[in-house]
Amino acid sequence: MGKGVEIFGGLFVFTFCVLLIPQMLSFAIGYKAVNELTSTMVEVIEVHEGLTEQARQQIEQLKTRYPEVTVETQRTTLDQRAVYQVTGRLHVRIDLIGLDTELKASKTTKRVIY
């Protein structure tokens, strides 16, 4: 009887780990996508010195690579200068344990844009 319980427990733990580990990798893959998108958007905004029409076109092309990521761009104006903050969000769900969470990455332009 004890050996049967031990085998069942080992099988249960092995199956749980085999099913859980790939779903946990979705956190790493999801955060990489969010972080890459927000970083690239901040670079585009800095290169174009603001959200110009060209910058908007490039950002739309970037968004097509990661359609599941939602992005918000916020502009803060100080006198005649502007600083942009880009925030990306992605919802990740691990079905095995019923965990639904949001991954978020936020980047701000490093220099003030005139």
PDB file of N, CA and C in Angstrom:
ATOM      1  N   MET A   1       0.820  -1.190   0.000  1.00  0.00           N
ATOM      2  CA  MET A   1       0.000   0.000   0.000  1.00  0.00           C
ATOM      3  C   MET A   1       0.862   1.252   0.000  1.00  0.00           C
ATOM      4  N   GLY A   2       1.931   1.270   0.834  1.00  0.00           N
ATOM      5  CA  GLY A   2       2.802   2.433   0.926  1.00  0.00           C
ATOM      6  C   GLY A   2       3.539   2.692  -0.374  1.00  0.00           C
ATOM      7  N   LYS A   3       3.936   1.632  -1.055  1.00  0.00           N
ATOM      8  CA  LYS A   3       4.637   1.783  -2.330  1.00  0.00           C
ATOM      9  C   LYS A   3       3.715   2.372  -3.393  1.00  0.00           C
ATOM     10  N   GLY A   4       2.443   1.983  -3.390  1.00  0.00           N
ATOM     11  CA  GLY A   4       1.478   2.521  -4.343  1.00  0.00           C
ATOM     12  C   GLY A   4       1.253   4.008  -4.134  1.00  0.00           C
ATOM     13  N   VAL A   5       1.160   4.447  -2.885  1.00  0.00           N
ATOM     14  CA  VAL A   5       0.991   5.861  -2.574  1.00  0.00           C
ATOM     15  C   VAL A   5       2.230   6.645  -2.998  1.00  0.00           C
ATOM     16  N   GLU A   6       3.393   6.052  -2.769  1.00  0.00           N
ATOM     17  CA  GLU A   6       4.660   6.706  -3.157  1.00  0.00           C
ATOM     18  C   GLU A   6       4.740   6.868  -4.675  1.00  0.00           C
ATOM     19  N   ILE A   7       4.362   5.836  -5.402  1.00  0.00           N
ATOM     20  CA  ILE A   7       4.395   5.909  -6.868  1.00  0.00           C
ATOM     21  C   ILE A   7       3.374   6.936  -7.369  1.00  0.00           C
ATOM     22  N   PHE A   8       2.169   6.919  -6.790  1.00  0.00           N
ATOM     23  CA  PHE A   8       1.143   7.880  -7.189  1.00  0.00           C
ATOM     24  C   PHE A   8       1.606   9.306  -6.892  1.00  0.00           C
ATOM     25  N   GLY A   9       2.197   9.529  -5.730  1.00  0.00           N
ATOM     26  CA  GLY A   9       2.696  10.861  -5.366  1.00  0.00           C
ATOM     27  C   GLY A   9       3.790  11.319  -6.307  1.00  0.00           C
ATOM     28  N   GLY A  10       4.720  10.439  -6.627  1.00  0.00           N
ATOM     29  CA  GLY A  10       5.794  10.777  -7.564  1.00  0.00           C
ATOM     30  C   GLY A  10       5.256  11.099  -8.941  1.00  0.00           C
ATOM     31  N   LEU A  11       4.290  10.307  -9.396  1.00  0.00           N
ATOM     32  CA  LEU A  11       3.669  10.538 -10.698  1.00  0.00           C
ATOM     33  C   LEU A  11       2.920  11.872 -10.712  1.00  0.00           C
ATOM     34  N   PHE A  12       2.215  12.169  -9.616  1.00  0.00           N
ATOM     35  CA  PHE A  12       1.486  13.425  -9.506  1.00  0.00           C
ATOM     36  C   PHE A  12       2.432  14.621  -9.558  1.00  0.00           C
ATOM     37  N   VAL A  13       3.518  14.574  -8.782  1.00  0.00           N
ATOM     38  CA  VAL A  13       4.486  15.672  -8.756  1.00  0.00           C
ATOM     39  C   VAL A  13       5.152  15.828 -10.123  1.00  0.00           C
ATOM     40  N   PHE A  14       5.535  14.723 -10.751  1.00  0.00           N
ATOM     41  CA  PHE A  14       6.172  14.781 -12.065  1.00  0.00           C
ATOM     42  C   PHE A  14       5.228  15.403 -13.094  1.00  0.00           C
ATOM     43  N   THR A  15       3.970  14.961 -13.103  1.00  0.00           N
ATOM     44  CA  THR A  15       2.994  15.487 -14.060  1.00  0.00           C
ATOM     45  C   THR A  15       2.733  16.968 -13.805  1.00  0.00           C
ATOM     46  N   PHE A  16       2.619  17.352 -12.543  1.00  0.00           N
ATOM     47  CA  PHE A  16       2.384  18.749 -12.193  1.00  0.00           C
ATOM     48  C   PHE A  16       3.534  19.616 -12.690  1.00  0.00           C
ATOM     49  N   CYS A  17       4.773  19.152 -12.485  1.00  0.00           N
ATOM     50  CA  CYS A  17       5.944  19.926 -12.924  1.00  0.00           C
ATOM     51  C   CYS A  17       6.036  19.994 -14.442  1.00  0.00           C
ATOM     52  N   VAL A  18       5.732  18.902 -15.111  1.00  0.00           N
ATOM     53  CA  VAL A  18       5.799  18.894 -16.574  1.00  0.00           C
ATOM     54  C   VAL A  18       4.763  19.844 -17.165  1.00  0.00           C
ATOM     55  N   LEU A  19       3.606  19.940 -16.541  1.00  0.00           N
ATOM     56  CA  LEU A  19       2.580  20.841 -17.055  1.00  0.00           C
ATOM     57  C   LEU A  19       2.775  22.282 -16.597  1.00  0.00           C
ATOM     58  N   LEU A  20       3.363  22.488 -15.431  1.00  0.00           N
ATOM     59  CA  LEU A  20       3.490  23.831 -14.876  1.00  0.00           C
ATOM     60  C   LEU A  20       4.685  24.596 -15.444  1.00  0.00           C
ATOM     61  N   ILE A  21       5.808  23.940 -15.630  1.00  0.00           N
ATOM     62  CA  ILE A  21       7.026  24.631 -16.074  1.00  0.00           C
ATOM     63  C   ILE A  21       6.841  25.315 -17.428  1.00  0.00           C
ATOM     64  N   PRO A  22       6.268  24.678 -18.448  1.00  0.00           N
ATOM     65  CA  PRO A  22       6.063  25.407 -19.714  1.00  0.00           C
ATOM     66  C   PRO A  22       5.141  26.620 -19.564  1.00  0.00           C
ATOM     67  N   GLN A  23       4.146  26.513 -18.694  1.00  0.00           N
ATOM     68  CA  GLN A  23       3.263  27.659 -18.500  1.00  0.00           C
ATOM     69  C   GLN A  23       3.966  28.768 -17.738  1.00  0.00           C
ATOM     70  N   MET A  24       4.881  28.425 -16.847  1.00  0.00           N
ATOM     71  CA  MET A  24       5.641  29.441 -16.124  1.00  0.00           C
ATOM     72  C   MET A  24       6.599  30.174 -17.065  1.00  0.00           C
ATOM     73  N   LEU A  25       7.042  29.503 -18.114  1.00  0.00           N
ATOM     74  CA  LEU A  25       7.912  30.157 -19.095  1.00  0.00           C
ATOM     75  C   LEU A  25       7.186  31.272 -19.840  1.00  0.00           C
ATOM     76  N   SER A  26       5.867  31.236 -19.843  1.00  0.00           N
ATOM     77  CA  SER A  26       5.112  32.302 -20.503  1.00  0.00           C
ATOM     78  C   SER A  26       5.353  33.653 -19.818  1.00  0.00           C
ATOM     79  N   PHE A  27       5.688  33.645 -18.528  1.00  0.00           N
ATOM     80  CA  PHE A  27       6.034  34.892 -17.842  1.00  0.00           C
ATOM     81  C   PHE A  27       7.294  35.499 -18.461  1.00  0.00           C
ATOM     82  N   ALA A  28       8.324  34.688 -18.629  1.00  0.00           N
ATOM     83  CA  ALA A  28       9.584  35.186 -19.184  1.00  0.00           C
ATOM     84  C   ALA A  28       9.406  35.656 -20.626  1.00  0.00           C
ATOM     85  N   ILE A  29       8.715  34.877 -21.411  1.00  0.00           N
ATOM     86  CA  ILE A  29       8.507  35.235 -22.812  1.00  0.00           C
ATOM     87  C   ILE A  29       7.637  36.481 -22.926  1.00  0.00           C
ATOM     88  N   GLY A  30       6.601  36.565 -22.101  1.00  0.00           N
ATOM     89  CA  GLY A  30       5.716  37.726 -22.121  1.00  0.00           C
ATOM     90  C   GLY A  30       6.417  38.994 -21.692  1.00  0.00           C
ATOM     91  N   TYR A  31       7.214  38.917 -20.622  1.00  0.00           N
ATOM     92  CA  TYR A  31       7.906  40.119 -20.164  1.00  0.00           C
ATOM     93  C   TYR A  31       8.954  40.567 -21.178  1.00  0.00           C
ATOM     94  N   LYS A  32       9.604  39.619 -21.838  1.00  0.00           N
ATOM     95  CA  LYS A  32      10.578  39.981 -22.871  1.00  0.00           C
ATOM     96  C   LYS A  32       9.898  40.772 -23.979  1.00  0.00           C
ATOM     97  N   ALA A  33       8.719  40.342 -24.392  1.00  0.00           N
ATOM     98  CA  ALA A  33       7.988  41.037 -25.456  1.00  0.00           C
ATOM     99  C   ALA A  33       7.590  42.443 -25.020  1.00  0.00           C
ATOM    100  N   VAL A  34       7.058  42.571 -23.798  1.00  0.00           N
ATOM    101  CA  VAL A  34       6.620  43.878 -23.305  1.00  0.00           C
ATOM    102  C   VAL A  34       7.808  44.822 -23.157  1.00  0.00           C
ATOM    103  N   ASN A  35       8.891  44.331 -22.581  1.00  0.00           N
ATOM    104  CA  ASN A  35      10.074  45.154 -22.356  1.00  0.00           C
ATOM    105  C   ASN A  35      10.715  45.587 -23.672  1.00  0.00           C
ATOM    106  N   GLU A  36      10.799  44.676 -24.619  1.00  0.00           N
ATOM    107  CA  GLU A  36      11.391  45.006 -25.920  1.00  0.00           C
ATOM    108  C   GLU A  36      10.563  46.055 -26.651  1.00  0.00           C
ATOM    109  N   LEU A  37       9.241  45.898 -26.628  1.00  0.00           N
ATOM    110  CA  LEU A  37       8.372  46.845 -27.319  1.00  0.00           C
ATOM    111  C   LEU A  37       8.461  48.235 -26.706  1.00  0.00           C
ATOM    112  N   THR A  38       8.392  48.349 -25.385  1.00  0.00           N
ATOM    113  CA  THR A  38       8.448  49.669 -24.750  1.00  0.00           C
ATOM    114  C   THR A  38       9.807  50.326 -24.944  1.00  0.00           C
ATOM    115  N   SER A  39      10.882  49.557 -24.854  1.00  0.00           N
ATOM    116  CA  SER A  39      12.218  50.126 -25.058  1.00  0.00           C
ATOM    117  C   SER A  39      12.391  50.653 -26.475  1.00  0.00           C
ATOM    118  N   THR A  40      11.935  49.894 -27.437  1.00  0.00           N
ATOM    119  CA  THR A  40      12.052  50.313 -28.830  1.00  0.00           C
ATOM    120  C   THR A  40      11.195  51.541 -29.105  1.00  0.00           C
ATOM    121  N   MET A  41      10.007  51.601 -28.509  1.00  0.00           N
ATOM    122  CA  MET A  41       9.154  52.774 -28.705  1.00  0.00           C
ATOM    123  C   MET A  41       9.796  54.035 -28.128  1.00  0.00           C
ATOM    124  N   VAL A  42      10.433  53.930 -26.974  1.00  0.00           N
ATOM    125  CA  VAL A  42      11.114  55.079 -26.381  1.00  0.00           C
ATOM    126  C   VAL A  42      12.262  55.531 -27.277  1.00  0.00           C
ATOM    127  N   GLU A  43      12.997  54.586 -27.847  1.00  0.00           N
ATOM    128  CA  GLU A  43      14.086  54.943 -28.765  1.00  0.00           C
ATOM    129  C   GLU A  43      13.549  55.668 -29.986  1.00  0.00           C
ATOM    130  N   VAL A  44      12.438  55.188 -30.539  1.00  0.00           N
ATOM    131  CA  VAL A  44      11.845  55.832 -31.719  1.00  0.00           C
ATOM    132  C   VAL A  44      11.419  57.256 -31.381  1.00  0.00           C
ATOM    133  N   ILE A  45      10.805  57.436 -30.226  1.00  0.00           N
ATOM    134  CA  ILE A  45      10.360  58.777 -29.816  1.00  0.00           C
ATOM    135  C   ILE A  45      11.550  59.707 -29.627  1.00  0.00           C
ATOM    136  N   GLU A  46      12.637  59.199 -29.033  1.00  0.00           N
ATOM    137  CA  GLU A  46      13.818  60.035 -28.829  1.00  0.00           C
ATOM    138  C   GLU A  46      14.490  60.397 -30.143  1.00  0.00           C
ATOM    139  N   VAL A  47      14.567  59.468 -31.071  1.00  0.00           N
ATOM    140  CA  VAL A  47      15.216  59.733 -32.362  1.00  0.00           C
ATOM    141  C   VAL A  47      14.441  60.786 -33.146  1.00  0.00           C
ATOM    142  N   HIS A  48      13.124  60.693 -33.109  1.00  0.00           N
ATOM    143  CA  HIS A  48      12.289  61.632 -33.865  1.00  0.00           C
ATOM    144  C   HIS A  48      11.963  62.894 -33.079  1.00  0.00           C
ATOM    145  N   GLU A  49      12.517  63.004 -31.880  1.00  0.00           N
ATOM    146  CA  GLU A  49      12.306  64.163 -31.003  1.00  0.00           C
ATOM    147  C   GLU A  49      10.827  64.445 -30.778  1.00  0.00           C
ATOM    148  N   GLY A  50      10.107  63.409 -30.396  1.00  0.00           N
ATOM    149  CA  GLY A  50       8.687  63.542 -30.090  1.00  0.00           C
ATOM    150  C   GLY A  50       7.855  62.569 -30.904  1.00  0.00           C
ATOM    151  N   LEU A  51       6.562  62.607 -30.695  1.00  0.00           N
ATOM    152  CA  LEU A  51       5.651  61.739 -31.438  1.00  0.00           C
ATOM    153  C   LEU A  51       5.227  62.406 -32.740  1.00  0.00           C
ATOM    154  N   THR A  52       6.136  62.426 -33.686  1.00  0.00           N
ATOM    155  CA  THR A  52       5.833  62.974 -35.007  1.00  0.00           C
ATOM    156  C   THR A  52       5.069  61.932 -35.813  1.00  0.00           C
ATOM    157  N   GLU A  53       4.680  62.297 -37.006  1.00  0.00           N
ATOM    158  CA  GLU A  53       3.948  61.368 -37.859  1.00  0.00           C
ATOM    159  C   GLU A  53       4.816  60.160 -38.233  1.00  0.00           C
ATOM    160  N   GLN A  54       6.093  60.407 -38.519  1.00  0.00           N
ATOM    161  CA  GLN A  54       7.000  59.297 -38.834  1.00  0.00           C
ATOM    162  C   GLN A  54       7.152  58.362 -37.644  1.00  0.00           C
ATOM    163  N   ALA A  55       7.266  58.929 -36.453  1.00  0.00           N
ATOM    164  CA  ALA A  55       7.393  58.115 -35.245  1.00  0.00           C
ATOM    165  C   ALA A  55       6.141  57.276 -35.038  1.00  0.00           C
ATOM    166  N   ARG A  56       4.983  57.849 -35.267  1.00  0.00           N
ATOM    167  CA  ARG A  56       3.732  57.109 -35.102  1.00  0.00           C
ATOM    168  C   ARG A  56       3.648  55.939 -36.079  1.00  0.00           C
ATOM    169  N   GLN A  57       4.099  56.155 -37.314  1.00  0.00           N
ATOM    170  CA  GLN A  57       4.084  55.076 -38.301  1.00  0.00           C
ATOM    171  C   GLN A  57       5.011  53.941 -37.887  1.00  0.00           C
ATOM    172  N   GLN A  58       6.199  54.282 -37.413  1.00  0.00           N
ATOM    173  CA  GLN A  58       7.131  53.248 -36.971  1.00  0.00           C
ATOM    174  C   GLN A  58       6.595  52.496 -35.752  1.00  0.00           C
ATOM    175  N   ILE A  59       5.947  53.219 -34.855  1.00  0.00           N
ATOM    176  CA  ILE A  59       5.386  52.587 -33.662  1.00  0.00           C
ATOM    177  C   ILE A  59       4.254  51.632 -34.044  1.00  0.00           C
ATOM    178  N   GLU A  60       3.436  52.002 -35.006  1.00  0.00           N
ATOM    179  CA  GLU A  60       2.366  51.110 -35.463  1.00  0.00           C
ATOM    180  C   GLU A  60       2.942  49.841 -36.080  1.00  0.00           C
ATOM    181  N   GLN A  61       4.061  49.975 -36.801  1.00  0.00           N
ATOM    182  CA  GLN A  61       4.712  48.791 -37.355  1.00  0.00           C
ATOM    183  C   GLN A  61       5.257  47.898 -36.240  1.00  0.00           C
ATOM    184  N   LEU A  62       5.792  48.516 -35.186  1.00  0.00           N
ATOM    185  CA  LEU A  62       6.296  47.746 -34.050  1.00  0.00           C
ATOM    186  C   LEU A  62       5.168  47.010 -33.336  1.00  0.00           C
ATOM    187  N   LYS A  63       4.027  47.658 -33.216  1.00  0.00           N
ATOM    188  CA  LYS A  63       2.896  47.046 -32.513  1.00  0.00           C
ATOM    189  C   LYS A  63       2.374  45.805 -33.231  1.00  0.00           C
ATOM    190  N   THR A  64       2.554  45.728 -34.539  1.00  0.00           N
ATOM    191  CA  THR A  64       2.083  44.551 -35.270  1.00  0.00           C
ATOM    192  C   THR A  64       2.896  43.308 -34.913  1.00  0.00           C
ATOM    193  N   ARG A  65       4.131  43.496 -34.425  1.00  0.00           N
ATOM    194  CA  ARG A  65       4.949  42.346 -34.013  1.00  0.00           C
ATOM    195  C   ARG A  65       4.408  41.703 -32.742  1.00  0.00           C
ATOM    196  N   TYR A  66       3.816  42.511 -31.854  1.00  0.00           N
ATOM    197  CA  TYR A  66       3.279  42.014 -30.587  1.00  0.00           C
ATOM    198  C   TYR A  66       1.835  42.510 -30.418  1.00  0.00           C
ATOM    199  N   PRO A  67       0.890  41.914 -31.125  1.00  0.00           N
ATOM    200  CA  PRO A  67      -0.489  42.418 -31.058  1.00  0.00           C
ATOM    201  C   PRO A  67      -1.159  42.199 -29.700  1.00  0.00           C
ATOM    202  N   GLU A  68      -0.660  41.277 -28.883  1.00  0.00           N
ATOM    203  CA  GLU A  68      -1.283  40.999 -27.594  1.00  0.00           C
ATOM    204  C   GLU A  68      -0.894  42.000 -26.512  1.00  0.00           C
ATOM    205  N   VAL A  69       0.104  42.840 -26.780  1.00  0.00           N
ATOM    206  CA  VAL A  69       0.574  43.830 -25.808  1.00  0.00           C
ATOM    207  C   VAL A  69      -0.185  45.141 -26.019  1.00  0.00           C
ATOM    208  N   THR A  70      -0.737  45.683 -24.937  1.00  0.00           N
ATOM    209  CA  THR A  70      -1.377  46.993 -25.012  1.00  0.00           C
ATOM    210  C   THR A  70      -0.391  48.046 -24.527  1.00  0.00           C
ATOM    211  N   VAL A  71      -0.325  49.152 -25.239  1.00  0.00           N
ATOM    212  CA  VAL A  71       0.667  50.180 -24.958  1.00  0.00           C
ATOM    213  C   VAL A  71      -0.026  51.522 -24.759  1.00  0.00           C
ATOM    214  N   GLU A  72       0.437  52.252 -23.743  1.00  0.00           N
ATOM    215  CA  GLU A  72      -0.056  53.605 -23.484  1.00  0.00           C
ATOM    216  C   GLU A  72       1.134  54.557 -23.544  1.00  0.00           C
ATOM    217  N   THR A  73       0.937  55.702 -24.170  1.00  0.00           N
ATOM    218  CA  THR A  73       1.964  56.728 -24.229  1.00  0.00           C
ATOM    219  C   THR A  73       1.421  57.971 -23.543  1.00  0.00           C
ATOM    220  N   GLN A  74       2.189  58.456 -22.586  1.00  0.00           N
ATOM    221  CA  GLN A  74       1.765  59.628 -21.821  1.00  0.00           C
ATOM    222  C   GLN A  74       2.799  60.733 -21.991  1.00  0.00           C
ATOM    223  N   ARG A  75       2.329  61.924 -22.279  1.00  0.00           N
ATOM    224  CA  ARG A  75       3.212  63.065 -22.485  1.00  0.00           C
ATOM    225  C   ARG A  75       3.066  64.032 -21.317  1.00  0.00           C
ATOM    226  N   THR A  76       4.201  64.418 -20.755  1.00  0.00           N
ATOM    227  CA  THR A  76       4.218  65.404 -19.686  1.00  0.00           C
ATOM    228  C   THR A  76       4.941  66.627 -20.214  1.00  0.00           C
ATOM    229  N   THR A  77       4.295  67.786 -20.145  1.00  0.00           N
ATOM    230  CA  THR A  77       4.867  69.012 -20.683  1.00  0.00           C
ATOM    231  C   THR A  77       5.348  69.901 -19.540  1.00  0.00           C
ATOM    232  N   LEU A  78       6.583  70.362 -19.659  1.00  0.00           N
ATOM    233  CA  LEU A  78       7.174  71.320 -18.733  1.00  0.00           C
ATOM    234  C   LEU A  78       7.649  72.504 -19.558  1.00  0.00           C
ATOM    235  N   ASP A  79       6.982  73.630 -19.421  1.00  0.00           N
ATOM    236  CA  ASP A  79       7.247  74.813 -20.247  1.00  0.00           C
ATOM    237  C   ASP A  79       7.082  74.430 -21.705  1.00  0.00           C
ATOM    238  N   GLN A  80       8.167  74.494 -22.488  1.00  0.00           N
ATOM    239  CA  GLN A  80       8.083  74.113 -23.900  1.00  0.00           C
ATOM    240  C   GLN A  80       8.750  72.758 -24.143  1.00  0.00           C
ATOM    241  N   ARG A  81       9.038  72.046 -23.089  1.00  0.00           N
ATOM    242  CA  ARG A  81       9.707  70.743 -23.195  1.00  0.00           C
ATOM    243  C   ARG A  81       8.711  69.633 -22.888  1.00  0.00           C
ATOM    244  N   ALA A  82       8.987  68.463 -23.415  1.00  0.00           N
ATOM    245  CA  ALA A  82       8.091  67.335 -23.190  1.00  0.00           C
ATOM    246  C   ALA A  82       8.889  66.080 -22.866  1.00  0.00           C
ATOM    247  N   VAL A  83       8.348  65.276 -21.970  1.00  0.00           N
ATOM    248  CA  VAL A  83       8.916  63.976 -21.618  1.00  0.00           C
ATOM    249  C   VAL A  83       7.817  62.945 -21.853  1.00  0.00           C
ATOM    250  N   TYR A  84       8.163  61.830 -22.501  1.00  0.00           N
ATOM    251  CA  TYR A  84       7.184  60.792 -22.812  1.00  0.00           C
ATOM    252  C   TYR A  84       7.425  59.578 -21.929  1.00  0.00           C
ATOM    253  N   GLN A  85       6.331  59.001 -21.436  1.00  0.00           N
ATOM    254  CA  GLN A  85       6.397  57.760 -20.679  1.00  0.00           C
ATOM    255  C   GLN A  85       5.582  56.710 -21.420  1.00  0.00           C
ATOM    256  N   VAL A  86       6.214  55.589 -21.712  1.00  0.00           N
ATOM    257  CA  VAL A  86       5.580  54.507 -22.457  1.00  0.00           C
ATOM    258  C   VAL A  86       5.379  53.332 -21.503  1.00  0.00           C
ATOM    259  N   THR A  87       4.146  52.845 -21.416  1.00  0.00           N
ATOM    260  CA  THR A  87       3.826  51.727 -20.542  1.00  0.00           C
ATOM    261  C   THR A  87       3.195  50.620 -21.368  1.00  0.00           C
ATOM    262  N   GLY A  88       3.755  49.420 -21.258  1.00  0.00           N
ATOM    263  CA  GLY A  88       3.222  48.249 -21.955  1.00  0.00           C
ATOM    264  C   GLY A  88       2.645  47.263 -20.959  1.00  0.00           C
ATOM    265  N   ARG A  89       1.524  46.639 -21.323  1.00  0.00           N
ATOM    266  CA  ARG A  89       0.859  45.683 -20.443  1.00  0.00           C
ATOM    267  C   ARG A  89       0.507  44.414 -21.221  1.00  0.00           C
ATOM    268  N   LEU A  90       0.621  43.292 -20.524  1.00  0.00           N
ATOM    269  CA  LEU A  90       0.263  42.000 -21.105  1.00  0.00           C
ATOM    270  C   LEU A  90      -0.350  41.138 -20.013  1.00  0.00           C
ATOM    271  N   HIS A  91      -1.497  40.543 -20.287  1.00  0.00           N
ATOM    272  CA  HIS A  91      -2.141  39.642 -19.326  1.00  0.00           C
ATOM    273  C   HIS A  91      -1.677  38.220 -19.602  1.00  0.00           C
ATOM    274  N   VAL A  92      -1.232  37.543 -18.535  1.00  0.00           N
ATOM    275  CA  VAL A  92      -0.752  36.168 -18.629  1.00  0.00           C
ATOM    276  C   VAL A  92      -1.603  35.314 -17.703  1.00  0.00           C
ATOM    277  N   ARG A  93      -2.013  34.154 -18.182  1.00  0.00           N
ATOM    278  CA  ARG A  93      -2.827  33.241 -17.376  1.00  0.00           C
ATOM    279  C   ARG A  93      -2.167  31.873 -17.347  1.00  0.00           C
ATOM    280  N   ILE A  94      -2.036  31.330 -16.125  1.00  0.00           N
ATOM    281  CA  ILE A  94      -1.553  29.965 -15.939  1.00  0.00           C
ATOM    282  C   ILE A  94      -2.767  29.132 -15.555  1.00  0.00           C
ATOM    283  N   ASP A  95      -3.251  28.346 -16.497  1.00  0.00           N
ATOM    284  CA  ASP A  95      -4.498  27.614 -16.315  1.00  0.00           C
ATOM    285  C   ASP A  95      -4.393  26.529 -15.247  1.00  0.00           C
ATOM    286  N   LEU A  96      -3.242  25.934 -15.092  1.00  0.00           N
ATOM    287  CA  LEU A  96      -3.088  24.816 -14.172  1.00  0.00           C
ATOM    288  C   LEU A  96      -3.381  25.208 -12.727  1.00  0.00           C
ATOM    289  N   ILE A  97      -2.969  26.421 -12.338  1.00  0.00           N
ATOM    290  CA  ILE A  97      -3.215  26.870 -10.964  1.00  0.00           C
ATOM    291  C   ILE A  97      -4.206  28.034 -10.903  1.00  0.00           C
ATOM    292  N   GLY A  98      -4.740  28.437 -12.041  1.00  0.00           N
ATOM    293  CA  GLY A  98      -5.749  29.490 -12.075  1.00  0.00           C
ATOM    294  C   GLY A  98      -5.212  30.879 -11.773  1.00  0.00           C
ATOM    295  N   LEU A  99      -3.969  31.142 -12.118  1.00  0.00           N
ATOM    296  CA  LEU A  99      -3.349  32.438 -11.847  1.00  0.00           C
ATOM    297  C   LEU A  99      -3.484  33.338 -13.065  1.00  0.00           C
ATOM    298  N   ASP A 100      -4.094  34.492 -12.867  1.00  0.00           N
ATOM    299  CA  ASP A 100      -4.236  35.486 -13.927  1.00  0.00           C
ATOM    300  C   ASP A 100      -3.556  36.759 -13.439  1.00  0.00           C
ATOM    301  N   THR A 101      -2.515  37.178 -14.136  1.00  0.00           N
ATOM    302  CA  THR A 101      -1.748  38.342 -13.698  1.00  0.00           C
ATOM    303  C   THR A 101      -1.397  39.224 -14.881  1.00  0.00           C
ATOM    304  N   GLU A 102      -0.930  40.417 -14.564  1.00  0.00           N
ATOM    305  CA  GLU A 102      -0.571  41.385 -15.593  1.00  0.00           C
ATOM    306  C   GLU A 102       0.923  41.673 -15.515  1.00  0.00           C
ATOM    307  N   LEU A 103       1.587  41.581 -16.646  1.00  0.00           N
ATOM    308  CA  LEU A 103       2.989  41.972 -16.741  1.00  0.00           C
ATOM    309  C   LEU A 103       3.038  43.395 -17.261  1.00  0.00           C
ATOM    310  N   LYS A 104       3.892  44.221 -16.663  1.00  0.00           N
ATOM    311  CA  LYS A 104       3.927  45.640 -17.017  1.00  0.00           C
ATOM    312  C   LYS A 104       5.374  46.104 -17.093  1.00  0.00           C
ATOM    313  N   ALA A 105       5.678  46.870 -18.123  1.00  0.00           N
ATOM    314  CA  ALA A 105       6.985  47.500 -18.270  1.00  0.00           C
ATOM    315  C   ALA A 105       6.755  48.964 -18.613  1.00  0.00           C
ATOM    316  N   SER A 106       7.471  49.836 -17.923  1.00  0.00           N
ATOM    317  CA  SER A 106       7.307  51.276 -18.131  1.00  0.00           C
ATOM    318  C   SER A 106       8.676  51.902 -18.382  1.00  0.00           C
ATOM    319  N   LYS A 107       8.767  52.692 -19.420  1.00  0.00           N
ATOM    320  CA  LYS A 107      10.010  53.373 -19.789  1.00  0.00           C
ATOM    321  C   LYS A 107       9.717  54.844 -19.997  1.00  0.00           C
ATOM    322  N   THR A 108      10.709  55.679 -19.685  1.00  0.00           N
ATOM    323  CA  THR A 108      10.591  57.117 -19.858  1.00  0.00           C
ATOM    324  C   THR A 108      11.742  57.602 -20.727  1.00  0.00           C
ATOM    325  N   THR A 109      11.464  58.591 -21.570  1.00  0.00           N
ATOM    326  CA  THR A 109      12.549  59.147 -22.393  1.00  0.00           C
ATOM    327  C   THR A 109      13.615  59.716 -21.473  1.00  0.00           C
ATOM    328  N   LYS A 110      14.867  59.446 -21.792  1.00  0.00           N
ATOM    329  CA  LYS A 110      15.962  59.847 -20.916  1.00  0.00           C
ATOM    330  C   LYS A 110      16.310  61.325 -21.030  1.00  0.00           C
ATOM    331  N   ARG A 111      16.105  61.879 -22.195  1.00  0.00           N
ATOM    332  CA  ARG A 111      16.432  63.300 -22.347  1.00  0.00           C
ATOM    333  C   ARG A 111      15.165  64.074 -22.611  1.00  0.00           C
ATOM    334  N   VAL A 112      15.215  65.327 -22.307  1.00  0.00           N
ATOM    335  CA  VAL A 112      14.053  66.180 -22.521  1.00  0.00           C
ATOM    336  C   VAL A 112      13.979  66.539 -23.998  1.00  0.00           C
ATOM    337  N   ILE A 113      12.799  66.424 -24.537  1.00  0.00           N
ATOM    338  CA  ILE A 113      12.589  66.690 -25.957  1.00  0.00           C
ATOM    339  C   ILE A 113      12.071  68.119 -26.107  1.00  0.00           C
ATOM    340  N   TYR A 114      12.683  68.869 -26.986  1.00  0.00           N
ATOM    341  CA  TYR A 114      12.299  70.272 -27.186  1.00  0.00           C
ATOM    342  C   TYR A 114      11.275  70.390 -28.271  1.00  0.00           C
TER     343      TYR A 114
END
